[in-house]
N, C-alpha and C. Protein backbone atom coordinates (compact mmCIF):
# COMPACT_ATOMS: atom_id res chain seq x y z
N MET A 1 23.42 -16.26 -24.65
CA MET A 1 22.59 -15.11 -25.01
C MET A 1 21.14 -15.52 -25.24
N ALA A 2 20.92 -16.79 -25.64
CA ALA A 2 19.57 -17.23 -25.96
C ALA A 2 18.84 -17.80 -24.76
N VAL A 3 19.57 -18.07 -23.67
CA VAL A 3 18.95 -18.74 -22.52
C VAL A 3 17.95 -17.84 -21.81
N ALA A 4 18.31 -16.58 -21.56
CA ALA A 4 17.45 -15.68 -20.79
C ALA A 4 16.09 -15.46 -21.46
N PRO A 5 16.04 -15.13 -22.76
CA PRO A 5 14.72 -14.96 -23.40
C PRO A 5 13.88 -16.22 -23.34
N VAL A 6 14.50 -17.39 -23.52
CA VAL A 6 13.75 -18.63 -23.48
C VAL A 6 13.15 -18.85 -22.09
N SER A 7 13.94 -18.60 -21.03
CA SER A 7 13.44 -18.79 -19.67
C SER A 7 12.28 -17.86 -19.38
N ALA A 8 12.32 -16.65 -19.93
CA ALA A 8 11.23 -15.70 -19.72
C ALA A 8 9.96 -16.17 -20.42
N GLN A 9 10.12 -16.73 -21.63
CA GLN A 9 8.95 -17.20 -22.37
C GLN A 9 8.29 -18.39 -21.69
N GLN A 10 9.10 -19.23 -21.03
CA GLN A 10 8.56 -20.42 -20.39
C GLN A 10 7.98 -20.12 -19.01
N TYR A 11 8.32 -18.97 -18.45
CA TYR A 11 7.83 -18.61 -17.13
C TYR A 11 6.40 -18.07 -17.23
N PRO A 12 5.51 -18.46 -16.31
CA PRO A 12 5.69 -19.44 -15.23
C PRO A 12 5.24 -20.83 -15.68
N ALA A 13 5.91 -21.84 -15.17
CA ALA A 13 5.58 -23.22 -15.53
C ALA A 13 4.73 -23.89 -14.45
N LYS A 14 4.40 -23.16 -13.39
CA LYS A 14 3.59 -23.72 -12.29
C LYS A 14 2.85 -22.57 -11.60
N PRO A 15 1.90 -22.89 -10.71
CA PRO A 15 1.17 -21.83 -10.00
C PRO A 15 2.11 -20.86 -9.29
N ILE A 16 1.71 -19.60 -9.19
CA ILE A 16 2.54 -18.55 -8.59
C ILE A 16 2.06 -18.28 -7.16
N ARG A 17 2.98 -18.27 -6.22
CA ARG A 17 2.63 -17.95 -4.83
C ARG A 17 2.70 -16.46 -4.62
N PHE A 18 1.59 -15.86 -4.25
CA PHE A 18 1.48 -14.42 -4.03
C PHE A 18 1.37 -14.19 -2.53
N ILE A 19 2.47 -13.73 -1.91
CA ILE A 19 2.47 -13.48 -0.47
C ILE A 19 1.91 -12.10 -0.20
N ILE A 20 0.90 -12.02 0.68
CA ILE A 20 0.23 -10.76 1.02
C ILE A 20 0.54 -10.44 2.47
N ALA A 21 1.13 -9.26 2.71
CA ALA A 21 1.57 -8.90 4.06
C ALA A 21 0.44 -8.33 4.90
N GLN A 22 -0.69 -9.01 4.91
CA GLN A 22 -1.83 -8.59 5.72
C GLN A 22 -2.80 -9.75 5.83
N ALA A 23 -3.59 -9.73 6.90
CA ALA A 23 -4.57 -10.79 7.09
C ALA A 23 -5.65 -10.73 6.02
N PRO A 24 -6.35 -11.85 5.76
CA PRO A 24 -7.41 -11.85 4.76
C PRO A 24 -8.48 -10.81 5.07
N GLY A 25 -8.95 -10.13 4.02
CA GLY A 25 -10.01 -9.15 4.19
C GLY A 25 -9.53 -7.73 4.34
N GLY A 26 -8.22 -7.54 4.57
CA GLY A 26 -7.68 -6.19 4.72
C GLY A 26 -7.49 -5.52 3.38
N GLN A 27 -7.10 -4.24 3.42
CA GLN A 27 -6.93 -3.45 2.20
C GLN A 27 -5.91 -4.10 1.26
N ASN A 28 -4.74 -4.46 1.79
CA ASN A 28 -3.72 -5.08 0.94
C ASN A 28 -4.22 -6.37 0.32
N ASP A 29 -4.95 -7.15 1.11
CA ASP A 29 -5.44 -8.44 0.65
C ASP A 29 -6.42 -8.27 -0.51
N VAL A 30 -7.36 -7.35 -0.36
CA VAL A 30 -8.37 -7.13 -1.39
C VAL A 30 -7.71 -6.65 -2.69
N GLN A 31 -6.81 -5.68 -2.57
CA GLN A 31 -6.15 -5.15 -3.76
C GLN A 31 -5.27 -6.20 -4.43
N ALA A 32 -4.55 -6.98 -3.63
CA ALA A 32 -3.67 -8.00 -4.19
C ALA A 32 -4.46 -9.04 -4.97
N ARG A 33 -5.63 -9.38 -4.48
CA ARG A 33 -6.44 -10.40 -5.16
C ARG A 33 -7.07 -9.86 -6.45
N ILE A 34 -7.41 -8.57 -6.44
CA ILE A 34 -7.93 -7.95 -7.67
C ILE A 34 -6.85 -7.96 -8.74
N ILE A 35 -5.63 -7.55 -8.35
CA ILE A 35 -4.51 -7.53 -9.29
C ILE A 35 -4.09 -8.94 -9.66
N GLY A 36 -4.01 -9.82 -8.65
CA GLY A 36 -3.56 -11.19 -8.88
C GLY A 36 -4.43 -11.97 -9.84
N GLN A 37 -5.74 -11.73 -9.79
CA GLN A 37 -6.64 -12.44 -10.69
C GLN A 37 -6.31 -12.15 -12.16
N LYS A 38 -6.07 -10.86 -12.45
CA LYS A 38 -5.76 -10.49 -13.83
C LYS A 38 -4.35 -10.91 -14.23
N LEU A 39 -3.42 -10.87 -13.27
CA LEU A 39 -2.06 -11.35 -13.57
C LEU A 39 -2.09 -12.84 -13.89
N ALA A 40 -2.88 -13.59 -13.15
CA ALA A 40 -2.99 -15.03 -13.39
C ALA A 40 -3.51 -15.30 -14.80
N GLU A 41 -4.50 -14.53 -15.23
CA GLU A 41 -5.04 -14.69 -16.58
C GLU A 41 -3.97 -14.38 -17.63
N ALA A 42 -3.18 -13.33 -17.38
CA ALA A 42 -2.15 -12.92 -18.34
C ALA A 42 -1.00 -13.91 -18.41
N LEU A 43 -0.63 -14.48 -17.25
CA LEU A 43 0.52 -15.37 -17.19
C LEU A 43 0.17 -16.84 -17.42
N GLY A 44 -1.11 -17.14 -17.42
CA GLY A 44 -1.53 -18.51 -17.71
C GLY A 44 -1.33 -19.50 -16.58
N GLN A 45 -1.20 -19.01 -15.36
CA GLN A 45 -1.07 -19.88 -14.20
C GLN A 45 -1.89 -19.30 -13.05
N PRO A 46 -2.47 -20.14 -12.21
CA PRO A 46 -3.26 -19.64 -11.08
C PRO A 46 -2.38 -19.03 -9.99
N MET A 47 -2.96 -18.13 -9.20
CA MET A 47 -2.28 -17.53 -8.07
C MET A 47 -2.64 -18.30 -6.80
N VAL A 48 -1.65 -18.58 -5.99
CA VAL A 48 -1.88 -19.19 -4.69
C VAL A 48 -1.58 -18.11 -3.65
N TYR A 49 -2.60 -17.61 -2.97
CA TYR A 49 -2.42 -16.49 -2.05
C TYR A 49 -1.99 -16.99 -0.67
N ASP A 50 -0.99 -16.31 -0.12
CA ASP A 50 -0.40 -16.68 1.17
C ASP A 50 -0.40 -15.43 2.05
N ASN A 51 -1.39 -15.32 2.95
CA ASN A 51 -1.50 -14.14 3.81
C ASN A 51 -0.58 -14.26 5.02
N ARG A 52 0.28 -13.27 5.17
CA ARG A 52 1.21 -13.23 6.31
C ARG A 52 1.16 -11.84 6.93
N ALA A 53 0.32 -11.69 7.94
CA ALA A 53 0.15 -10.40 8.58
C ALA A 53 1.37 -10.05 9.42
N GLY A 54 1.68 -8.74 9.50
CA GLY A 54 2.81 -8.29 10.31
C GLY A 54 2.83 -6.79 10.43
N ALA A 55 2.93 -6.26 11.64
CA ALA A 55 2.99 -4.82 11.93
C ALA A 55 1.77 -4.06 11.46
N GLY A 56 0.69 -4.79 11.25
CA GLY A 56 -0.55 -4.13 10.88
C GLY A 56 -0.52 -3.47 9.51
N GLY A 57 0.58 -3.66 8.76
CA GLY A 57 0.69 -3.03 7.45
C GLY A 57 0.77 -1.52 7.53
N GLN A 58 1.05 -0.99 8.71
CA GLN A 58 1.03 0.47 8.87
C GLN A 58 2.29 0.96 9.56
N ILE A 59 3.45 0.52 9.11
CA ILE A 59 4.70 0.89 9.74
C ILE A 59 4.88 2.41 9.82
N GLY A 60 4.63 3.09 8.71
CA GLY A 60 4.84 4.54 8.67
C GLY A 60 3.95 5.28 9.66
N PHE A 61 2.66 4.92 9.66
CA PHE A 61 1.76 5.63 10.60
C PHE A 61 2.08 5.30 12.04
N GLU A 62 2.57 4.14 12.32
CA GLU A 62 2.84 3.79 13.71
C GLU A 62 3.99 4.62 14.27
N LEU A 63 4.80 5.21 13.40
CA LEU A 63 5.86 6.09 13.89
C LEU A 63 5.27 7.40 14.39
N LEU A 64 4.07 7.71 13.93
CA LEU A 64 3.45 8.98 14.31
C LEU A 64 2.45 8.82 15.45
N ALA A 65 1.74 7.75 15.48
CA ALA A 65 0.75 7.51 16.53
C ALA A 65 0.58 6.01 16.71
N GLN A 66 0.59 5.56 17.92
CA GLN A 66 0.53 4.12 18.18
C GLN A 66 -0.77 3.53 17.66
N THR A 67 -0.68 2.39 17.01
CA THR A 67 -1.87 1.74 16.49
C THR A 67 -2.73 1.25 17.64
N PRO A 68 -4.03 1.56 17.67
CA PRO A 68 -4.90 1.08 18.74
C PRO A 68 -4.84 -0.43 18.83
N PRO A 69 -4.75 -1.01 20.03
CA PRO A 69 -4.56 -2.45 20.19
C PRO A 69 -5.68 -3.30 19.62
N ASP A 70 -6.90 -2.76 19.53
CA ASP A 70 -8.02 -3.54 19.03
C ASP A 70 -8.22 -3.40 17.54
N GLY A 71 -7.32 -2.67 16.88
CA GLY A 71 -7.41 -2.53 15.43
C GLY A 71 -8.13 -1.27 15.00
N TYR A 72 -7.95 -0.95 13.72
CA TYR A 72 -8.47 0.31 13.21
C TYR A 72 -9.99 0.35 13.15
N THR A 73 -10.63 -0.77 12.86
CA THR A 73 -12.09 -0.75 12.75
C THR A 73 -12.73 -0.40 14.07
N ILE A 74 -12.27 -1.05 15.14
CA ILE A 74 -12.81 -0.76 16.46
C ILE A 74 -12.43 0.66 16.87
N ALA A 75 -11.22 1.07 16.55
CA ALA A 75 -10.76 2.41 16.90
C ALA A 75 -11.61 3.47 16.24
N MET A 76 -12.04 3.22 15.00
CA MET A 76 -12.88 4.18 14.30
C MET A 76 -14.20 4.38 15.03
N GLY A 77 -14.78 3.27 15.51
CA GLY A 77 -16.02 3.37 16.26
C GLY A 77 -15.81 4.12 17.57
N SER A 78 -14.66 3.91 18.17
CA SER A 78 -14.35 4.56 19.43
C SER A 78 -14.16 6.06 19.27
N ILE A 79 -13.38 6.45 18.26
CA ILE A 79 -13.09 7.87 18.08
C ILE A 79 -14.33 8.63 17.61
N SER A 80 -15.23 7.97 16.88
CA SER A 80 -16.43 8.65 16.40
C SER A 80 -17.38 8.99 17.52
N THR A 81 -17.26 8.30 18.66
CA THR A 81 -18.10 8.60 19.82
C THR A 81 -17.29 9.23 20.94
N LEU A 82 -15.97 9.46 20.68
CA LEU A 82 -15.06 10.01 21.68
C LEU A 82 -15.04 9.16 22.94
N ALA A 83 -15.27 7.86 22.79
CA ALA A 83 -15.34 6.98 23.95
C ALA A 83 -13.97 6.72 24.57
N VAL A 84 -12.94 6.68 23.75
CA VAL A 84 -11.61 6.34 24.26
C VAL A 84 -10.57 7.36 23.84
N ILE A 85 -10.47 7.65 22.53
CA ILE A 85 -9.42 8.51 22.02
C ILE A 85 -10.01 9.67 21.24
N PRO A 86 -9.47 10.89 21.37
CA PRO A 86 -10.02 12.07 20.70
C PRO A 86 -9.58 12.23 19.25
N MET A 87 -8.43 11.64 18.87
CA MET A 87 -7.95 11.77 17.50
C MET A 87 -6.98 10.64 17.19
N MET A 88 -6.72 10.42 15.91
CA MET A 88 -5.79 9.36 15.51
C MET A 88 -5.33 9.59 14.08
N PHE A 89 -4.22 8.96 13.71
CA PHE A 89 -3.77 8.88 12.32
C PHE A 89 -4.34 7.58 11.76
N ASN A 90 -4.96 7.64 10.61
CA ASN A 90 -5.54 6.45 10.02
C ASN A 90 -5.45 6.56 8.51
N ASN A 91 -5.72 5.44 7.81
CA ASN A 91 -5.68 5.50 6.36
C ASN A 91 -6.99 6.06 5.82
N VAL A 92 -6.93 6.63 4.64
CA VAL A 92 -8.08 7.30 4.03
C VAL A 92 -9.25 6.34 3.83
N ILE A 93 -8.95 5.13 3.39
CA ILE A 93 -10.01 4.17 3.08
C ILE A 93 -10.91 3.91 4.28
N THR A 94 -10.30 3.73 5.45
CA THR A 94 -11.08 3.44 6.65
C THR A 94 -11.80 4.67 7.18
N ALA A 95 -11.17 5.84 7.03
CA ALA A 95 -11.72 7.06 7.62
C ALA A 95 -12.84 7.71 6.81
N VAL A 96 -12.77 7.64 5.49
CA VAL A 96 -13.70 8.36 4.63
C VAL A 96 -15.18 8.11 4.94
N PRO A 97 -15.62 6.85 5.12
CA PRO A 97 -17.05 6.64 5.41
C PRO A 97 -17.51 7.38 6.66
N HIS A 98 -16.66 7.43 7.69
CA HIS A 98 -17.03 8.11 8.92
C HIS A 98 -17.03 9.63 8.74
N VAL A 99 -16.11 10.13 7.91
CA VAL A 99 -16.06 11.57 7.63
C VAL A 99 -17.31 11.99 6.86
N LYS A 100 -17.67 11.22 5.84
CA LYS A 100 -18.84 11.55 5.03
C LYS A 100 -20.14 11.42 5.81
N ALA A 101 -20.12 10.55 6.83
CA ALA A 101 -21.31 10.37 7.67
C ALA A 101 -21.42 11.45 8.75
N GLY A 102 -20.39 12.30 8.83
CA GLY A 102 -20.42 13.38 9.81
C GLY A 102 -19.99 12.97 11.20
N LYS A 103 -19.47 11.75 11.35
CA LYS A 103 -19.04 11.27 12.66
C LYS A 103 -17.62 11.70 13.01
N LEU A 104 -16.84 11.99 11.98
CA LEU A 104 -15.46 12.42 12.19
C LEU A 104 -15.18 13.67 11.36
N ARG A 105 -14.21 14.44 11.80
CA ARG A 105 -13.76 15.60 11.04
C ARG A 105 -12.33 15.34 10.59
N ALA A 106 -12.09 15.38 9.30
CA ALA A 106 -10.74 15.19 8.76
C ALA A 106 -9.96 16.48 8.92
N LEU A 107 -8.85 16.43 9.64
CA LEU A 107 -8.04 17.63 9.88
C LEU A 107 -7.02 17.87 8.78
N ALA A 108 -6.39 16.80 8.30
CA ALA A 108 -5.37 16.93 7.25
C ALA A 108 -5.00 15.56 6.74
N VAL A 109 -4.48 15.52 5.51
CA VAL A 109 -3.93 14.27 4.97
C VAL A 109 -2.42 14.39 4.96
N THR A 110 -1.73 13.27 5.14
CA THR A 110 -0.28 13.31 5.29
C THR A 110 0.47 13.21 3.97
N THR A 111 -0.25 13.06 2.87
CA THR A 111 0.40 12.97 1.56
C THR A 111 0.83 14.34 1.06
N ALA A 112 1.66 14.36 0.03
CA ALA A 112 2.17 15.62 -0.51
C ALA A 112 1.09 16.44 -1.19
N VAL A 113 0.08 15.76 -1.73
CA VAL A 113 -1.04 16.44 -2.39
C VAL A 113 -2.35 15.95 -1.76
N ARG A 114 -3.41 16.70 -1.97
CA ARG A 114 -4.69 16.33 -1.40
C ARG A 114 -5.21 15.02 -1.98
N SER A 115 -5.98 14.30 -1.17
CA SER A 115 -6.55 13.03 -1.61
C SER A 115 -7.81 13.27 -2.43
N PRO A 116 -7.97 12.56 -3.57
CA PRO A 116 -9.20 12.69 -4.36
C PRO A 116 -10.44 12.31 -3.56
N ALA A 117 -10.26 11.45 -2.55
CA ALA A 117 -11.39 11.02 -1.73
C ALA A 117 -11.80 12.09 -0.73
N LEU A 118 -10.88 13.02 -0.41
CA LEU A 118 -11.16 14.12 0.53
C LEU A 118 -10.60 15.42 -0.04
N PRO A 119 -11.14 15.87 -1.16
CA PRO A 119 -10.56 17.03 -1.86
C PRO A 119 -10.59 18.33 -1.06
N GLU A 120 -11.50 18.44 -0.10
CA GLU A 120 -11.59 19.67 0.69
C GLU A 120 -10.65 19.67 1.89
N THR A 121 -10.03 18.52 2.16
CA THR A 121 -9.15 18.41 3.32
C THR A 121 -7.73 18.80 2.94
N PRO A 122 -7.13 19.76 3.64
CA PRO A 122 -5.76 20.20 3.29
C PRO A 122 -4.72 19.16 3.65
N THR A 123 -3.55 19.30 3.09
CA THR A 123 -2.43 18.45 3.48
C THR A 123 -1.82 19.01 4.76
N VAL A 124 -0.99 18.20 5.43
CA VAL A 124 -0.29 18.68 6.62
C VAL A 124 0.62 19.84 6.25
N ALA A 125 1.25 19.76 5.07
CA ALA A 125 2.14 20.83 4.60
C ALA A 125 1.36 22.13 4.43
N GLU A 126 0.16 22.04 3.85
CA GLU A 126 -0.67 23.23 3.68
C GLU A 126 -1.13 23.80 5.01
N SER A 127 -1.16 22.95 6.04
CA SER A 127 -1.65 23.36 7.35
C SER A 127 -0.58 24.02 8.21
N GLY A 128 0.60 24.23 7.62
CA GLY A 128 1.63 24.95 8.36
C GLY A 128 2.90 24.17 8.65
N TYR A 129 3.02 22.98 8.07
CA TYR A 129 4.22 22.17 8.29
C TYR A 129 4.82 21.79 6.94
N PRO A 130 5.44 22.73 6.26
CA PRO A 130 5.98 22.48 4.91
C PRO A 130 7.00 21.36 4.90
N GLY A 131 6.95 20.58 3.83
CA GLY A 131 7.89 19.47 3.69
C GLY A 131 7.42 18.18 4.30
N PHE A 132 6.28 18.21 5.00
CA PHE A 132 5.77 17.00 5.64
C PHE A 132 5.14 16.08 4.59
N GLU A 133 5.51 14.81 4.64
CA GLU A 133 4.90 13.82 3.74
C GLU A 133 5.07 12.43 4.34
N SER A 134 3.97 11.73 4.44
CA SER A 134 4.00 10.34 4.92
C SER A 134 2.96 9.55 4.14
N ASN A 135 3.42 8.55 3.41
CA ASN A 135 2.52 7.74 2.58
C ASN A 135 2.45 6.31 3.08
N SER A 136 1.29 5.74 2.97
CA SER A 136 1.12 4.31 3.15
C SER A 136 1.04 3.72 1.75
N TRP A 137 2.00 2.88 1.38
CA TRP A 137 2.04 2.39 0.00
C TRP A 137 2.20 0.88 -0.04
N GLN A 138 1.80 0.32 -1.15
CA GLN A 138 1.96 -1.11 -1.41
C GLN A 138 2.65 -1.29 -2.75
N GLY A 139 3.41 -2.37 -2.86
CA GLY A 139 4.10 -2.66 -4.12
C GLY A 139 4.25 -4.15 -4.29
N ILE A 140 4.69 -4.55 -5.45
CA ILE A 140 4.91 -5.98 -5.75
C ILE A 140 6.40 -6.22 -5.91
N VAL A 141 6.93 -7.16 -5.15
CA VAL A 141 8.35 -7.51 -5.24
C VAL A 141 8.47 -9.02 -5.43
N THR A 142 9.66 -9.45 -5.83
CA THR A 142 9.93 -10.87 -5.97
C THR A 142 11.30 -11.16 -5.37
N ARG A 143 11.65 -12.42 -5.29
CA ARG A 143 12.87 -12.79 -4.60
C ARG A 143 14.12 -12.30 -5.33
N ALA A 144 15.15 -12.00 -4.56
CA ALA A 144 16.43 -11.57 -5.14
C ALA A 144 16.99 -12.68 -6.02
N GLY A 145 17.61 -12.28 -7.09
CA GLY A 145 18.21 -13.25 -8.00
C GLY A 145 17.30 -13.71 -9.12
N THR A 146 16.06 -13.22 -9.14
CA THR A 146 15.15 -13.57 -10.22
C THR A 146 15.70 -13.02 -11.54
N PRO A 147 15.77 -13.83 -12.60
CA PRO A 147 16.32 -13.36 -13.87
C PRO A 147 15.66 -12.09 -14.38
N GLY A 148 16.46 -11.21 -14.94
CA GLY A 148 15.97 -9.93 -15.44
C GLY A 148 14.80 -10.03 -16.40
N PRO A 149 14.84 -10.94 -17.39
CA PRO A 149 13.72 -11.05 -18.33
C PRO A 149 12.40 -11.40 -17.66
N ILE A 150 12.47 -12.20 -16.59
CA ILE A 150 11.25 -12.56 -15.86
C ILE A 150 10.72 -11.34 -15.11
N ILE A 151 11.62 -10.59 -14.49
CA ILE A 151 11.21 -9.36 -13.78
C ILE A 151 10.59 -8.39 -14.77
N ALA A 152 11.20 -8.26 -15.95
CA ALA A 152 10.68 -7.35 -16.97
C ALA A 152 9.27 -7.75 -17.41
N ARG A 153 9.04 -9.05 -17.55
CA ARG A 153 7.71 -9.51 -17.97
C ARG A 153 6.68 -9.26 -16.87
N LEU A 154 7.05 -9.59 -15.64
CA LEU A 154 6.13 -9.36 -14.53
C LEU A 154 5.80 -7.88 -14.40
N ASN A 155 6.80 -7.04 -14.58
CA ASN A 155 6.59 -5.59 -14.49
C ASN A 155 5.65 -5.10 -15.58
N SER A 156 5.88 -5.52 -16.81
CA SER A 156 5.05 -5.05 -17.92
C SER A 156 3.61 -5.54 -17.77
N GLU A 157 3.44 -6.77 -17.31
CA GLU A 157 2.09 -7.31 -17.12
C GLU A 157 1.38 -6.59 -15.98
N ALA A 158 2.13 -6.30 -14.88
CA ALA A 158 1.53 -5.60 -13.74
C ALA A 158 1.09 -4.20 -14.14
N ILE A 159 1.92 -3.49 -14.91
CA ILE A 159 1.56 -2.14 -15.35
C ILE A 159 0.32 -2.18 -16.25
N ARG A 160 0.26 -3.17 -17.14
CA ARG A 160 -0.90 -3.29 -18.03
C ARG A 160 -2.16 -3.58 -17.23
N VAL A 161 -2.05 -4.51 -16.27
CA VAL A 161 -3.20 -4.90 -15.46
C VAL A 161 -3.72 -3.73 -14.63
N LEU A 162 -2.81 -2.90 -14.11
CA LEU A 162 -3.21 -1.78 -13.27
C LEU A 162 -4.01 -0.72 -14.03
N GLN A 163 -3.93 -0.74 -15.35
CA GLN A 163 -4.66 0.22 -16.17
C GLN A 163 -6.03 -0.29 -16.60
N LEU A 164 -6.32 -1.57 -16.33
CA LEU A 164 -7.62 -2.13 -16.70
C LEU A 164 -8.70 -1.50 -15.82
N PRO A 165 -9.83 -1.08 -16.39
CA PRO A 165 -10.89 -0.44 -15.60
C PRO A 165 -11.36 -1.29 -14.43
N GLU A 166 -11.45 -2.62 -14.63
CA GLU A 166 -11.93 -3.50 -13.56
C GLU A 166 -10.93 -3.64 -12.43
N VAL A 167 -9.69 -3.22 -12.66
CA VAL A 167 -8.67 -3.22 -11.60
C VAL A 167 -8.50 -1.80 -11.06
N ARG A 168 -8.35 -0.85 -11.96
CA ARG A 168 -8.07 0.53 -11.57
C ARG A 168 -9.23 1.17 -10.80
N ASN A 169 -10.45 1.00 -11.30
CA ASN A 169 -11.60 1.71 -10.72
C ASN A 169 -11.84 1.39 -9.25
N PRO A 170 -11.88 0.11 -8.85
CA PRO A 170 -12.13 -0.16 -7.43
C PRO A 170 -11.00 0.31 -6.52
N ILE A 171 -9.77 0.32 -7.03
CA ILE A 171 -8.64 0.77 -6.22
C ILE A 171 -8.67 2.29 -6.04
N VAL A 172 -8.90 3.02 -7.15
CA VAL A 172 -8.93 4.48 -7.09
C VAL A 172 -10.14 4.98 -6.31
N SER A 173 -11.28 4.28 -6.45
CA SER A 173 -12.50 4.71 -5.77
C SER A 173 -12.37 4.66 -4.25
N GLN A 174 -11.41 3.90 -3.76
CA GLN A 174 -11.18 3.80 -2.32
C GLN A 174 -10.23 4.87 -1.80
N GLY A 175 -9.81 5.78 -2.69
CA GLY A 175 -8.94 6.86 -2.26
C GLY A 175 -7.47 6.62 -2.51
N ASN A 176 -7.15 5.59 -3.30
CA ASN A 176 -5.76 5.28 -3.60
C ASN A 176 -5.32 5.92 -4.91
N ASP A 177 -4.02 6.12 -5.04
CA ASP A 177 -3.42 6.51 -6.31
C ASP A 177 -2.66 5.31 -6.86
N ILE A 178 -2.60 5.19 -8.17
CA ILE A 178 -1.84 4.11 -8.81
C ILE A 178 -0.62 4.72 -9.46
N ALA A 179 0.55 4.23 -9.06
CA ALA A 179 1.81 4.72 -9.62
C ALA A 179 2.56 3.56 -10.24
N ALA A 180 2.50 3.45 -11.55
CA ALA A 180 3.22 2.39 -12.26
C ALA A 180 4.64 2.85 -12.53
N SER A 181 5.62 2.02 -12.20
CA SER A 181 7.02 2.41 -12.37
C SER A 181 7.84 1.24 -12.87
N THR A 182 9.09 1.53 -13.17
CA THR A 182 10.01 0.47 -13.55
C THR A 182 10.56 -0.19 -12.29
N PRO A 183 11.14 -1.39 -12.39
CA PRO A 183 11.76 -2.01 -11.22
C PRO A 183 12.84 -1.12 -10.60
N GLU A 184 13.59 -0.44 -11.43
CA GLU A 184 14.67 0.43 -10.94
C GLU A 184 14.11 1.63 -10.16
N GLU A 185 13.04 2.20 -10.67
CA GLU A 185 12.41 3.34 -9.98
C GLU A 185 11.83 2.92 -8.65
N PHE A 186 11.20 1.76 -8.62
CA PHE A 186 10.61 1.27 -7.37
C PHE A 186 11.69 0.95 -6.34
N ALA A 187 12.79 0.35 -6.79
CA ALA A 187 13.90 0.05 -5.88
C ALA A 187 14.47 1.32 -5.28
N ALA A 188 14.61 2.36 -6.10
CA ALA A 188 15.13 3.64 -5.63
C ALA A 188 14.18 4.26 -4.62
N TYR A 189 12.87 4.15 -4.85
CA TYR A 189 11.88 4.69 -3.94
C TYR A 189 11.95 3.98 -2.58
N ILE A 190 12.09 2.67 -2.60
CA ILE A 190 12.20 1.90 -1.35
C ILE A 190 13.43 2.33 -0.56
N ARG A 191 14.54 2.55 -1.27
CA ARG A 191 15.75 2.99 -0.58
C ARG A 191 15.55 4.36 0.07
N ARG A 192 14.87 5.27 -0.65
CA ARG A 192 14.61 6.59 -0.08
C ARG A 192 13.70 6.50 1.14
N GLU A 193 12.71 5.64 1.09
CA GLU A 193 11.81 5.46 2.23
C GLU A 193 12.55 4.89 3.43
N MET A 194 13.43 3.92 3.19
CA MET A 194 14.20 3.33 4.28
C MET A 194 15.12 4.36 4.93
N GLU A 195 15.73 5.19 4.09
CA GLU A 195 16.61 6.22 4.63
C GLU A 195 15.82 7.25 5.43
N LYS A 196 14.68 7.68 4.90
CA LYS A 196 13.87 8.70 5.57
C LYS A 196 13.36 8.20 6.92
N TRP A 197 12.74 7.01 6.92
CA TRP A 197 12.15 6.52 8.16
C TRP A 197 13.21 6.00 9.12
N GLY A 198 14.36 5.61 8.57
CA GLY A 198 15.47 5.22 9.44
C GLY A 198 15.92 6.39 10.30
N LYS A 199 15.98 7.58 9.68
CA LYS A 199 16.36 8.78 10.41
C LYS A 199 15.30 9.14 11.46
N VAL A 200 14.03 8.96 11.10
CA VAL A 200 12.94 9.26 12.04
C VAL A 200 13.02 8.33 13.25
N ILE A 201 13.28 7.06 12.98
CA ILE A 201 13.38 6.08 14.06
C ILE A 201 14.52 6.42 15.00
N GLN A 202 15.67 6.76 14.43
CA GLN A 202 16.82 7.11 15.25
C GLN A 202 16.58 8.38 16.07
N THR A 203 15.99 9.39 15.43
CA THR A 203 15.73 10.65 16.11
C THR A 203 14.72 10.49 17.24
N ALA A 204 13.70 9.69 16.99
CA ALA A 204 12.64 9.50 17.98
C ALA A 204 13.02 8.47 19.04
N GLY A 205 14.07 7.70 18.79
CA GLY A 205 14.47 6.68 19.73
C GLY A 205 13.50 5.52 19.81
N VAL A 206 12.85 5.21 18.67
CA VAL A 206 11.87 4.13 18.64
C VAL A 206 12.56 2.78 18.84
N LYS A 207 12.01 1.95 19.72
CA LYS A 207 12.56 0.63 19.99
C LYS A 207 11.60 -0.45 19.51
N ASN A 208 12.15 -1.55 19.04
CA ASN A 208 11.36 -2.68 18.57
C ASN A 208 11.12 -3.63 19.75
N ASP A 209 10.23 -3.21 20.65
CA ASP A 209 9.93 -4.01 21.85
C ASP A 209 8.81 -5.00 21.58
């Protein structure tokens, strides 16, 4: 009974490897480093960042529209001049500067509620497709089998860090929402997302070519 609390108090005893599922400089990378810096201070060990890009970090959007081969930044320049493509699905952070500059027109956001970054832009559901919702989200996970007390500590520290102005403000200012949850709630959300998009993949006949 005494072993678990002791192991949690001693954790971490060495630097923590923070794997980021995106190349350096991307949205996930920037946010992970903002959060990781404060987590490192709280846990008393430095973060070692390990960037591992894959699927462009946009699995959900790619089910709706193919990701431009040259990346979102180049695609934004292309669509703003109508040089290659007339429209696209993109994340709010990348699109907002072009919308505010008058180069692009935002037709709708795919979230259940309007984005604070584009308050005048309706949701897809408001535009005549009720029940439509597609989110691009990020979360923090750890390896299976990690002791419960350690997970509880990491969770409590992450929730505390996300409320710090120096962490919260830059994330929210980019058009993101912060949703702090318990490990159980996050696990349930991941299962719901897997079930939802699994059905979409099967219905659309999407192949992993």
